[in-house]
Amino acid sequence: MTKLLPYRVIYFDEVKQDIKEAKAWYKKQSNGLQKKFTNEVINAIERLQSSPESYAIRYRKVRIVHTRTFPFGIHFKLDIENRCITIIAVVHDHRDIGEIEKRK
């Protein structure tokens, strides 16, 4: 039996800025909260890596995994053939996805 390789995760440059802005906002709310946010994002990505196909396509072949505590979604595309996950955005659930859809 052939063992499948784990999914490789790559991300758009904008994702760094998405996370940076969210962390800054949470830090203003309560010092230390930004660390909890970061851990939630990491945990969501780990869940995503274990079963990326379990997340439904929401728009333009983009799927979303949500953090458990914070109202944020990690928007990603899945390339099953090449076992690659491309994270295109990490954004608040109530943000208009119009700007995200422009990211290729």
PDB file of N, CA and C in Angstrom:
ATOM      1  N   MET A   1       0.840  -1.180   0.000  1.00  0.00           N
ATOM      2  CA  MET A   1       0.000   0.000   0.000  1.00  0.00           C
ATOM      3  C   MET A   1       0.887   1.246   0.000  1.00  0.00           C
ATOM      4  N   THR A   2       0.580   2.196  -0.863  1.00  0.00           N
ATOM      5  CA  THR A   2       1.351   3.426  -0.967  1.00  0.00           C
ATOM      6  C   THR A   2       0.864   4.423   0.090  1.00  0.00           C
ATOM      7  N   LYS A   3       1.812   4.959   0.833  1.00  0.00           N
ATOM      8  CA  LYS A   3       1.465   5.958   1.843  1.00  0.00           C
ATOM      9  C   LYS A   3       1.490   7.339   1.191  1.00  0.00           C
ATOM     10  N   LEU A   4       0.407   8.096   1.392  1.00  0.00           N
ATOM     11  CA  LEU A   4       0.325   9.425   0.819  1.00  0.00           C
ATOM     12  C   LEU A   4       1.178  10.412   1.600  1.00  0.00           C
ATOM     13  N   LEU A   5       1.795  11.306   0.870  1.00  0.00           N
ATOM     14  CA  LEU A   5       2.564  12.368   1.507  1.00  0.00           C
ATOM     15  C   LEU A   5       1.609  13.384   2.111  1.00  0.00           C
ATOM     16  N   PRO A   6       2.013  14.068   3.170  1.00  0.00           N
ATOM     17  CA  PRO A   6       1.141  15.095   3.742  1.00  0.00           C
ATOM     18  C   PRO A   6       0.976  16.256   2.766  1.00  0.00           C
ATOM     19  N   TYR A   7      -0.076  17.017   2.968  1.00  0.00           N
ATOM     20  CA  TYR A   7      -0.298  18.191   2.122  1.00  0.00           C
ATOM     21  C   TYR A   7       0.711  19.272   2.468  1.00  0.00           C
ATOM     22  N   ARG A   8       1.303  19.848   1.435  1.00  0.00           N
ATOM     23  CA  ARG A   8       2.218  20.975   1.587  1.00  0.00           C
ATOM     24  C   ARG A   8       1.367  22.235   1.674  1.00  0.00           C
ATOM     25  N   VAL A   9       1.749  23.162   2.545  1.00  0.00           N
ATOM     26  CA  VAL A   9       1.004  24.408   2.706  1.00  0.00           C
ATOM     27  C   VAL A   9       1.853  25.573   2.205  1.00  0.00           C
ATOM     28  N   ILE A  10       1.275  26.355   1.306  1.00  0.00           N
ATOM     29  CA  ILE A  10       1.906  27.597   0.863  1.00  0.00           C
ATOM     30  C   ILE A  10       0.873  28.702   1.069  1.00  0.00           C
ATOM     31  N   TYR A  11       1.309  29.943   1.027  1.00  0.00           N
ATOM     32  CA  TYR A  11       0.359  31.026   1.248  1.00  0.00           C
ATOM     33  C   TYR A  11       0.752  32.264   0.460  1.00  0.00           C
ATOM     34  N   PHE A  12      -0.258  33.052   0.158  1.00  0.00           N
ATOM     35  CA  PHE A  12      -0.040  34.322  -0.533  1.00  0.00           C
ATOM     36  C   PHE A  12       0.667  35.290   0.406  1.00  0.00           C
ATOM     37  N   ASP A  13       1.408  36.222  -0.148  1.00  0.00           N
ATOM     38  CA  ASP A  13       2.085  37.239   0.656  1.00  0.00           C
ATOM     39  C   ASP A  13       1.092  38.043   1.502  1.00  0.00           C
ATOM     40  N   GLU A  14      -0.105  38.276   0.983  1.00  0.00           N
ATOM     41  CA  GLU A  14      -1.119  39.050   1.691  1.00  0.00           C
ATOM     42  C   GLU A  14      -1.545  38.397   3.007  1.00  0.00           C
ATOM     43  N   VAL A  15      -1.373  37.099   3.119  1.00  0.00           N
ATOM     44  CA  VAL A  15      -1.771  36.384   4.331  1.00  0.00           C
ATOM     45  C   VAL A  15      -0.970  36.880   5.534  1.00  0.00           C
ATOM     46  N   LYS A  16       0.310  37.147   5.332  1.00  0.00           N
ATOM     47  CA  LYS A  16       1.131  37.686   6.425  1.00  0.00           C
ATOM     48  C   LYS A  16       0.538  38.990   6.946  1.00  0.00           C
ATOM     49  N   GLN A  17       0.109  39.851   6.016  1.00  0.00           N
ATOM     50  CA  GLN A  17      -0.479  41.129   6.405  1.00  0.00           C
ATOM     51  C   GLN A  17      -1.830  40.923   7.094  1.00  0.00           C
ATOM     52  N   ASP A  18      -2.628  39.984   6.605  1.00  0.00           N
ATOM     53  CA  ASP A  18      -3.913  39.677   7.240  1.00  0.00           C
ATOM     54  C   ASP A  18      -3.705  39.332   8.710  1.00  0.00           C
ATOM     55  N   ILE A  19      -2.739  38.451   8.965  1.00  0.00           N
ATOM     56  CA  ILE A  19      -2.481  37.988  10.325  1.00  0.00           C
ATOM     57  C   ILE A  19      -1.883  39.109  11.164  1.00  0.00           C
ATOM     58  N   LYS A  20      -0.980  39.866  10.596  1.00  0.00           N
ATOM     59  CA  LYS A  20      -0.344  40.970  11.312  1.00  0.00           C
ATOM     60  C   LYS A  20      -1.387  41.988  11.784  1.00  0.00           C
ATOM     61  N   GLU A  21      -2.313  42.340  10.903  1.00  0.00           N
ATOM     62  CA  GLU A  21      -3.353  43.307  11.256  1.00  0.00           C
ATOM     63  C   GLU A  21      -4.270  42.769  12.346  1.00  0.00           C
ATOM     64  N   ALA A  22      -4.650  41.519  12.233  1.00  0.00           N
ATOM     65  CA  ALA A  22      -5.530  40.920  13.243  1.00  0.00           C
ATOM     66  C   ALA A  22      -4.825  40.849  14.599  1.00  0.00           C
ATOM     67  N   LYS A  23      -3.568  40.442  14.589  1.00  0.00           N
ATOM     68  CA  LYS A  23      -2.809  40.366  15.842  1.00  0.00           C
ATOM     69  C   LYS A  23      -2.694  41.743  16.496  1.00  0.00           C
ATOM     70  N   ALA A  24      -2.446  42.777  15.707  1.00  0.00           N
ATOM     71  CA  ALA A  24      -2.334  44.133  16.252  1.00  0.00           C
ATOM     72  C   ALA A  24      -3.654  44.558  16.887  1.00  0.00           C
ATOM     73  N   TRP A  25      -4.762  44.247  16.235  1.00  0.00           N
ATOM     74  CA  TRP A  25      -6.072  44.614  16.770  1.00  0.00           C
ATOM     75  C   TRP A  25      -6.328  43.886  18.089  1.00  0.00           C
ATOM     76  N   TYR A  26      -6.045  42.589  18.135  1.00  0.00           N
ATOM     77  CA  TYR A  26      -6.279  41.826  19.366  1.00  0.00           C
ATOM     78  C   TYR A  26      -5.349  42.267  20.488  1.00  0.00           C
ATOM     79  N   LYS A  27      -4.148  42.653  20.156  1.00  0.00           N
ATOM     80  CA  LYS A  27      -3.220  43.134  21.180  1.00  0.00           C
ATOM     81  C   LYS A  27      -3.743  44.422  21.818  1.00  0.00           C
ATOM     82  N   LYS A  28      -4.368  45.285  21.008  1.00  0.00           N
ATOM     83  CA  LYS A  28      -4.954  46.521  21.544  1.00  0.00           C
ATOM     84  C   LYS A  28      -6.109  46.213  22.494  1.00  0.00           C
ATOM     85  N   GLN A  29      -6.809  45.122  22.241  1.00  0.00           N
ATOM     86  CA  GLN A  29      -7.945  44.751  23.084  1.00  0.00           C
ATOM     87  C   GLN A  29      -7.476  44.241  24.438  1.00  0.00           C
ATOM     88  N   SER A  30      -6.443  43.405  24.421  1.00  0.00           N
ATOM     89  CA  SER A  30      -5.908  42.825  25.656  1.00  0.00           C
ATOM     90  C   SER A  30      -4.546  42.202  25.342  1.00  0.00           C
ATOM     91  N   ASN A  31      -3.527  42.686  26.029  1.00  0.00           N
ATOM     92  CA  ASN A  31      -2.184  42.169  25.784  1.00  0.00           C
ATOM     93  C   ASN A  31      -2.166  40.656  26.047  1.00  0.00           C
ATOM     94  N   GLY A  32      -1.640  39.916  25.123  1.00  0.00           N
ATOM     95  CA  GLY A  32      -1.604  38.458  25.212  1.00  0.00           C
ATOM     96  C   GLY A  32      -2.651  37.802  24.329  1.00  0.00           C
ATOM     97  N   LEU A  33      -3.716  38.552  24.004  1.00  0.00           N
ATOM     98  CA  LEU A  33      -4.782  37.995  23.170  1.00  0.00           C
ATOM     99  C   LEU A  33      -4.270  37.681  21.764  1.00  0.00           C
ATOM    100  N   GLN A  34      -3.288  38.450  21.304  1.00  0.00           N
ATOM    101  CA  GLN A  34      -2.729  38.210  19.974  1.00  0.00           C
ATOM    102  C   GLN A  34      -2.044  36.848  19.911  1.00  0.00           C
ATOM    103  N   LYS A  35      -1.482  36.395  21.015  1.00  0.00           N
ATOM    104  CA  LYS A  35      -0.842  35.068  21.040  1.00  0.00           C
ATOM    105  C   LYS A  35      -1.895  33.967  20.949  1.00  0.00           C
ATOM    106  N   LYS A  36      -3.014  34.174  21.625  1.00  0.00           N
ATOM    107  CA  LYS A  36      -4.103  33.189  21.543  1.00  0.00           C
ATOM    108  C   LYS A  36      -4.642  33.120  20.115  1.00  0.00           C
ATOM    109  N   PHE A  37      -4.744  34.282  19.481  1.00  0.00           N
ATOM    110  CA  PHE A  37      -5.200  34.314  18.089  1.00  0.00           C
ATOM    111  C   PHE A  37      -4.241  33.528  17.194  1.00  0.00           C
ATOM    112  N   THR A  38      -2.951  33.786  17.347  1.00  0.00           N
ATOM    113  CA  THR A  38      -1.940  33.090  16.546  1.00  0.00           C
ATOM    114  C   THR A  38      -2.047  31.577  16.737  1.00  0.00           C
ATOM    115  N   ASN A  39      -2.202  31.139  17.977  1.00  0.00           N
ATOM    116  CA  ASN A  39      -2.332  29.705  18.255  1.00  0.00           C
ATOM    117  C   ASN A  39      -3.577  29.123  17.600  1.00  0.00           C
ATOM    118  N   GLU A  40      -4.671  29.893  17.599  1.00  0.00           N
ATOM    119  CA  GLU A  40      -5.897  29.427  16.953  1.00  0.00           C
ATOM    120  C   GLU A  40      -5.709  29.257  15.448  1.00  0.00           C
ATOM    121  N   VAL A  41      -4.996  30.178  14.835  1.00  0.00           N
ATOM    122  CA  VAL A  41      -4.734  30.082  13.393  1.00  0.00           C
ATOM    123  C   VAL A  41      -3.886  28.841  13.117  1.00  0.00           C
ATOM    124  N   ILE A  42      -2.863  28.634  13.918  1.00  0.00           N
ATOM    125  CA  ILE A  42      -2.000  27.457  13.749  1.00  0.00           C
ATOM    126  C   ILE A  42      -2.816  26.179  13.905  1.00  0.00           C
ATOM    127  N   ASN A  43      -3.660  26.123  14.923  1.00  0.00           N
ATOM    128  CA  ASN A  43      -4.495  24.934  15.153  1.00  0.00           C
ATOM    129  C   ASN A  43      -5.442  24.684  13.983  1.00  0.00           C
ATOM    130  N   ALA A  44      -6.018  25.750  13.446  1.00  0.00           N
ATOM    131  CA  ALA A  44      -6.932  25.590  12.308  1.00  0.00           C
ATOM    132  C   ALA A  44      -6.186  25.057  11.087  1.00  0.00           C
ATOM    133  N   ILE A  45      -4.981  25.541  10.863  1.00  0.00           N
ATOM    134  CA  ILE A  45      -4.183  25.057   9.727  1.00  0.00           C
ATOM    135  C   ILE A  45      -3.815  23.588   9.927  1.00  0.00           C
ATOM    136  N   GLU A  46      -3.517  23.200  11.143  1.00  0.00           N
ATOM    137  CA  GLU A  46      -3.215  21.788  11.414  1.00  0.00           C
ATOM    138  C   GLU A  46      -4.439  20.912  11.153  1.00  0.00           C
ATOM    139  N   ARG A  47      -5.626  21.378  11.551  1.00  0.00           N
ATOM    140  CA  ARG A  47      -6.859  20.626  11.260  1.00  0.00           C
ATOM    141  C   ARG A  47      -7.054  20.527   9.757  1.00  0.00           C
ATOM    142  N   LEU A  48      -6.806  21.628   9.088  1.00  0.00           N
ATOM    143  CA  LEU A  48      -6.941  21.690   7.642  1.00  0.00           C
ATOM    144  C   LEU A  48      -6.029  20.679   6.957  1.00  0.00           C
ATOM    145  N   GLN A  49      -4.793  20.604   7.394  1.00  0.00           N
ATOM    146  CA  GLN A  49      -3.832  19.685   6.774  1.00  0.00           C
ATOM    147  C   GLN A  49      -4.246  18.227   6.926  1.00  0.00           C
ATOM    148  N   SER A  50      -4.914  17.908   8.007  1.00  0.00           N
ATOM    149  CA  SER A  50      -5.271  16.508   8.235  1.00  0.00           C
ATOM    150  C   SER A  50      -6.437  16.046   7.358  1.00  0.00           C
ATOM    151  N   SER A  51      -7.315  16.973   6.963  1.00  0.00           N
ATOM    152  CA  SER A  51      -8.439  16.564   6.114  1.00  0.00           C
ATOM    153  C   SER A  51      -8.973  17.737   5.286  1.00  0.00           C
ATOM    154  N   PRO A  52      -8.171  18.256   4.368  1.00  0.00           N
ATOM    155  CA  PRO A  52      -8.585  19.436   3.599  1.00  0.00           C
ATOM    156  C   PRO A  52      -9.814  19.220   2.716  1.00  0.00           C
ATOM    157  N   GLU A  53     -10.028  18.002   2.288  1.00  0.00           N
ATOM    158  CA  GLU A  53     -11.163  17.715   1.417  1.00  0.00           C
ATOM    159  C   GLU A  53     -12.494  17.776   2.151  1.00  0.00           C
ATOM    160  N   SER A  54     -12.459  17.773   3.479  1.00  0.00           N
ATOM    161  CA  SER A  54     -13.703  17.791   4.247  1.00  0.00           C
ATOM    162  C   SER A  54     -14.350  19.172   4.304  1.00  0.00           C
ATOM    163  N   TYR A  55     -13.652  20.188   3.829  1.00  0.00           N
ATOM    164  CA  TYR A  55     -14.195  21.541   3.820  1.00  0.00           C
ATOM    165  C   TYR A  55     -14.797  21.832   2.452  1.00  0.00           C
ATOM    166  N   ALA A  56     -16.041  22.262   2.460  1.00  0.00           N
ATOM    167  CA  ALA A  56     -16.785  22.489   1.222  1.00  0.00           C
ATOM    168  C   ALA A  56     -16.252  23.697   0.450  1.00  0.00           C
ATOM    169  N   ILE A  57     -16.398  23.628  -0.857  1.00  0.00           N
ATOM    170  CA  ILE A  57     -16.053  24.772  -1.698  1.00  0.00           C
ATOM    171  C   ILE A  57     -17.116  25.838  -1.459  1.00  0.00           C
ATOM    172  N   ARG A  58     -16.671  27.063  -1.163  1.00  0.00           N
ATOM    173  CA  ARG A  58     -17.585  28.161  -0.836  1.00  0.00           C
ATOM    174  C   ARG A  58     -17.747  29.150  -1.986  1.00  0.00           C
ATOM    175  N   TYR A  59     -16.682  29.415  -2.710  1.00  0.00           N
ATOM    176  CA  TYR A  59     -16.731  30.316  -3.856  1.00  0.00           C
ATOM    177  C   TYR A  59     -15.466  30.101  -4.678  1.00  0.00           C
ATOM    178  N   ARG A  60     -15.565  30.196  -5.986  1.00  0.00           N
ATOM    179  CA  ARG A  60     -14.418  30.102  -6.905  1.00  0.00           C
ATOM    180  C   ARG A  60     -13.351  29.081  -6.488  1.00  0.00           C
ATOM    181  N   LYS A  61     -13.775  27.891  -6.168  1.00  0.00           N
ATOM    182  CA  LYS A  61     -12.893  26.788  -5.769  1.00  0.00           C
ATOM    183  C   LYS A  61     -12.164  27.056  -4.445  1.00  0.00           C
ATOM    184  N   VAL A  62     -12.669  28.001  -3.673  1.00  0.00           N
ATOM    185  CA  VAL A  62     -12.069  28.342  -2.384  1.00  0.00           C
ATOM    186  C   VAL A  62     -12.876  27.686  -1.267  1.00  0.00           C
ATOM    187  N   ARG A  63     -12.157  27.107  -0.337  1.00  0.00           N
ATOM    188  CA  ARG A  63     -12.736  26.479   0.842  1.00  0.00           C
ATOM    189  C   ARG A  63     -12.342  27.315   2.052  1.00  0.00           C
ATOM    190  N   ILE A  64     -13.052  27.130   3.167  1.00  0.00           N
ATOM    191  CA  ILE A  64     -12.762  27.915   4.365  1.00  0.00           C
ATOM    192  C   ILE A  64     -12.756  27.012   5.591  1.00  0.00           C
ATOM    193  N   VAL A  65     -11.702  27.147   6.395  1.00  0.00           N
ATOM    194  CA  VAL A  65     -11.661  26.515   7.711  1.00  0.00           C
ATOM    195  C   VAL A  65     -11.704  27.667   8.714  1.00  0.00           C
ATOM    196  N   HIS A  66     -12.506  27.503   9.772  1.00  0.00           N
ATOM    197  CA  HIS A  66     -12.657  28.568  10.761  1.00  0.00           C
ATOM    198  C   HIS A  66     -11.868  28.265  12.026  1.00  0.00           C
ATOM    199  N   THR A  67     -11.381  29.339  12.639  1.00  0.00           N
ATOM    200  CA  THR A  67     -10.766  29.180  13.955  1.00  0.00           C
ATOM    201  C   THR A  67     -11.901  28.860  14.924  1.00  0.00           C
ATOM    202  N   ARG A  68     -11.580  28.250  16.037  1.00  0.00           N
ATOM    203  CA  ARG A  68     -12.625  27.816  16.968  1.00  0.00           C
ATOM    204  C   ARG A  68     -13.080  28.921  17.908  1.00  0.00           C
ATOM    205  N   THR A  69     -12.192  29.801  18.308  1.00  0.00           N
ATOM    206  CA  THR A  69     -12.530  30.829  19.284  1.00  0.00           C
ATOM    207  C   THR A  69     -12.770  32.187  18.650  1.00  0.00           C
ATOM    208  N   PHE A  70     -11.962  32.526  17.686  1.00  0.00           N
ATOM    209  CA  PHE A  70     -12.030  33.834  17.053  1.00  0.00           C
ATOM    210  C   PHE A  70     -12.866  33.752  15.775  1.00  0.00           C
ATOM    211  N   PRO A  71     -13.576  34.829  15.411  1.00  0.00           N
ATOM    212  CA  PRO A  71     -14.430  34.784  14.216  1.00  0.00           C
ATOM    213  C   PRO A  71     -13.641  35.027  12.926  1.00  0.00           C
ATOM    214  N   PHE A  72     -12.723  34.133  12.647  1.00  0.00           N
ATOM    215  CA  PHE A  72     -11.862  34.254  11.469  1.00  0.00           C
ATOM    216  C   PHE A  72     -11.928  32.985  10.641  1.00  0.00           C
ATOM    217  N   GLY A  73     -11.816  33.186   9.332  1.00  0.00           N
ATOM    218  CA  GLY A  73     -11.764  32.063   8.418  1.00  0.00           C
ATOM    219  C   GLY A  73     -10.459  32.077   7.645  1.00  0.00           C
ATOM    220  N   ILE A  74      -9.955  30.894   7.401  1.00  0.00           N
ATOM    221  CA  ILE A  74      -8.752  30.732   6.594  1.00  0.00           C
ATOM    222  C   ILE A  74      -9.230  30.232   5.231  1.00  0.00           C
ATOM    223  N   HIS A  75      -9.103  31.084   4.234  1.00  0.00           N
ATOM    224  CA  HIS A  75      -9.577  30.779   2.889  1.00  0.00           C
ATOM    225  C   HIS A  75      -8.440  30.095   2.126  1.00  0.00           C
ATOM    226  N   PHE A  76      -8.749  28.971   1.512  1.00  0.00           N
ATOM    227  CA  PHE A  76      -7.697  28.210   0.840  1.00  0.00           C
ATOM    228  C   PHE A  76      -8.205  27.493  -0.394  1.00  0.00           C
ATOM    229  N   LYS A  77      -7.260  27.201  -1.275  1.00  0.00           N
ATOM    230  CA  LYS A  77      -7.519  26.372  -2.446  1.00  0.00           C
ATOM    231  C   LYS A  77      -6.773  25.063  -2.261  1.00  0.00           C
ATOM    232  N   LEU A  78      -7.347  24.019  -2.799  1.00  0.00           N
ATOM    233  CA  LEU A  78      -6.792  22.686  -2.628  1.00  0.00           C
ATOM    234  C   LEU A  78      -6.430  22.088  -3.980  1.00  0.00           C
ATOM    235  N   ASP A  79      -5.198  21.629  -4.093  1.00  0.00           N
ATOM    236  CA  ASP A  79      -4.737  20.915  -5.279  1.00  0.00           C
ATOM    237  C   ASP A  79      -4.478  19.479  -4.832  1.00  0.00           C
ATOM    238  N   ILE A  80      -5.482  18.645  -5.003  1.00  0.00           N
ATOM    239  CA  ILE A  80      -5.409  17.263  -4.518  1.00  0.00           C
ATOM    240  C   ILE A  80      -4.313  16.492  -5.241  1.00  0.00           C
ATOM    241  N   GLU A  81      -4.222  16.669  -6.551  1.00  0.00           N
ATOM    242  CA  GLU A  81      -3.236  15.933  -7.343  1.00  0.00           C
ATOM    243  C   GLU A  81      -1.805  16.178  -6.860  1.00  0.00           C
ATOM    244  N   ASN A  82      -1.483  17.431  -6.570  1.00  0.00           N
ATOM    245  CA  ASN A  82      -0.127  17.776  -6.117  1.00  0.00           C
ATOM    246  C   ASN A  82      -0.007  17.860  -4.600  1.00  0.00           C
ATOM    247  N   ARG A  83      -1.095  17.514  -3.899  1.00  0.00           N
ATOM    248  CA  ARG A  83      -1.134  17.503  -2.432  1.00  0.00           C
ATOM    249  C   ARG A  83      -0.634  18.838  -1.863  1.00  0.00           C
ATOM    250  N   CYS A  84      -1.272  19.905  -2.344  1.00  0.00           N
ATOM    251  CA  CYS A  84      -0.867  21.253  -1.952  1.00  0.00           C
ATOM    252  C   CYS A  84      -2.087  22.078  -1.524  1.00  0.00           C
ATOM    253  N   ILE A  85      -1.937  22.776  -0.424  1.00  0.00           N
ATOM    254  CA  ILE A  85      -2.940  23.706   0.082  1.00  0.00           C
ATOM    255  C   ILE A  85      -2.361  25.106  -0.089  1.00  0.00           C
ATOM    256  N   THR A  86      -3.104  25.983  -0.736  1.00  0.00           N
ATOM    257  CA  THR A  86      -2.671  27.371  -0.893  1.00  0.00           C
ATOM    258  C   THR A  86      -3.612  28.257  -0.091  1.00  0.00           C
ATOM    259  N   ILE A  87      -3.089  28.870   0.949  1.00  0.00           N
ATOM    260  CA  ILE A  87      -3.883  29.773   1.774  1.00  0.00           C
ATOM    261  C   ILE A  87      -3.863  31.135   1.105  1.00  0.00           C
ATOM    262  N   ILE A  88      -5.057  31.657   0.821  1.00  0.00           N
ATOM    263  CA  ILE A  88      -5.130  32.933   0.126  1.00  0.00           C
ATOM    264  C   ILE A  88      -5.515  34.088   1.045  1.00  0.00           C
ATOM    265  N   ALA A  89      -6.110  33.784   2.210  1.00  0.00           N
ATOM    266  CA  ALA A  89      -6.503  34.862   3.121  1.00  0.00           C
ATOM    267  C   ALA A  89      -6.811  34.302   4.509  1.00  0.00           C
ATOM    268  N   VAL A  90      -6.593  35.142   5.511  1.00  0.00           N
ATOM    269  CA  VAL A  90      -7.025  34.874   6.885  1.00  0.00           C
ATOM    270  C   VAL A  90      -7.784  36.123   7.296  1.00  0.00           C
ATOM    271  N   VAL A  91      -9.117  36.026   7.317  1.00  0.00           N
ATOM    272  CA  VAL A  91      -9.929  37.223   7.506  1.00  0.00           C
ATOM    273  C   VAL A  91     -11.101  37.013   8.457  1.00  0.00           C
ATOM    274  N   HIS A  92     -11.546  38.130   9.022  1.00  0.00           N
ATOM    275  CA  HIS A  92     -12.713  38.133   9.905  1.00  0.00           C
ATOM    276  C   HIS A  92     -13.919  37.623   9.116  1.00  0.00           C
ATOM    277  N   ASP A  93     -14.766  36.862   9.781  1.00  0.00           N
ATOM    278  CA  ASP A  93     -15.911  36.245   9.104  1.00  0.00           C
ATOM    279  C   ASP A  93     -16.894  37.260   8.528  1.00  0.00           C
ATOM    280  N   HIS A  94     -16.922  38.467   9.059  1.00  0.00           N
ATOM    281  CA  HIS A  94     -17.883  39.457   8.577  1.00  0.00           C
ATOM    282  C   HIS A  94     -17.301  40.405   7.537  1.00  0.00           C
ATOM    283  N   ARG A  95     -16.074  40.165   7.156  1.00  0.00           N
ATOM    284  CA  ARG A  95     -15.452  41.008   6.139  1.00  0.00           C
ATOM    285  C   ARG A  95     -16.009  40.653   4.767  1.00  0.00           C
ATOM    286  N   ASP A  96     -16.169  41.659   3.933  1.00  0.00           N
ATOM    287  CA  ASP A  96     -16.620  41.460   2.567  1.00  0.00           C
ATOM    288  C   ASP A  96     -15.542  40.694   1.805  1.00  0.00           C
ATOM    289  N   ILE A  97     -15.921  39.601   1.181  1.00  0.00           N
ATOM    290  CA  ILE A  97     -14.913  38.780   0.494  1.00  0.00           C
ATOM    291  C   ILE A  97     -14.567  39.304  -0.891  1.00  0.00           C
ATOM    292  N   GLY A  98     -15.134  40.446  -1.285  1.00  0.00           N
ATOM    293  CA  GLY A  98     -14.839  41.019  -2.597  1.00  0.00           C
ATOM    294  C   GLY A  98     -13.361  41.234  -2.822  1.00  0.00           C
ATOM    295  N   GLU A  99     -12.670  41.753  -1.821  1.00  0.00           N
ATOM    296  CA  GLU A  99     -11.231  41.978  -1.940  1.00  0.00           C
ATOM    297  C   GLU A  99     -10.469  40.650  -1.997  1.00  0.00           C
ATOM    298  N   ILE A 100     -10.937  39.686  -1.270  1.00  0.00           N
ATOM    299  CA  ILE A 100     -10.273  38.373  -1.254  1.00  0.00           C
ATOM    300  C   ILE A 100     -10.403  37.698  -2.612  1.00  0.00           C
ATOM    301  N   GLU A 101     -11.573  37.833  -3.217  1.00  0.00           N
ATOM    302  CA  GLU A 101     -11.808  37.191  -4.515  1.00  0.00           C
ATOM    303  C   GLU A 101     -10.861  37.703  -5.589  1.00  0.00           C
ATOM    304  N   LYS A 102     -10.326  38.897  -5.406  1.00  0.00           N
ATOM    305  CA  LYS A 102      -9.383  39.465  -6.377  1.00  0.00           C
ATOM    306  C   LYS A 102      -8.008  38.815  -6.290  1.00  0.00           C
ATOM    307  N   ARG A 103      -7.730  38.174  -5.168  1.00  0.00           N
ATOM    308  CA  ARG A 103      -6.445  37.498  -5.026  1.00  0.00           C
ATOM    309  C   ARG A 103      -6.458  36.247  -5.894  1.00  0.00           C
ATOM    310  N   LYS A 104      -5.447  36.046  -6.636  1.00  0.00           N
ATOM    311  CA  LYS A 104      -5.393  34.885  -7.528  1.00  0.00           C
ATOM    312  C   LYS A 104      -4.728  33.800  -6.799  1.00  0.00           C
TER     313      LYS A 104
END
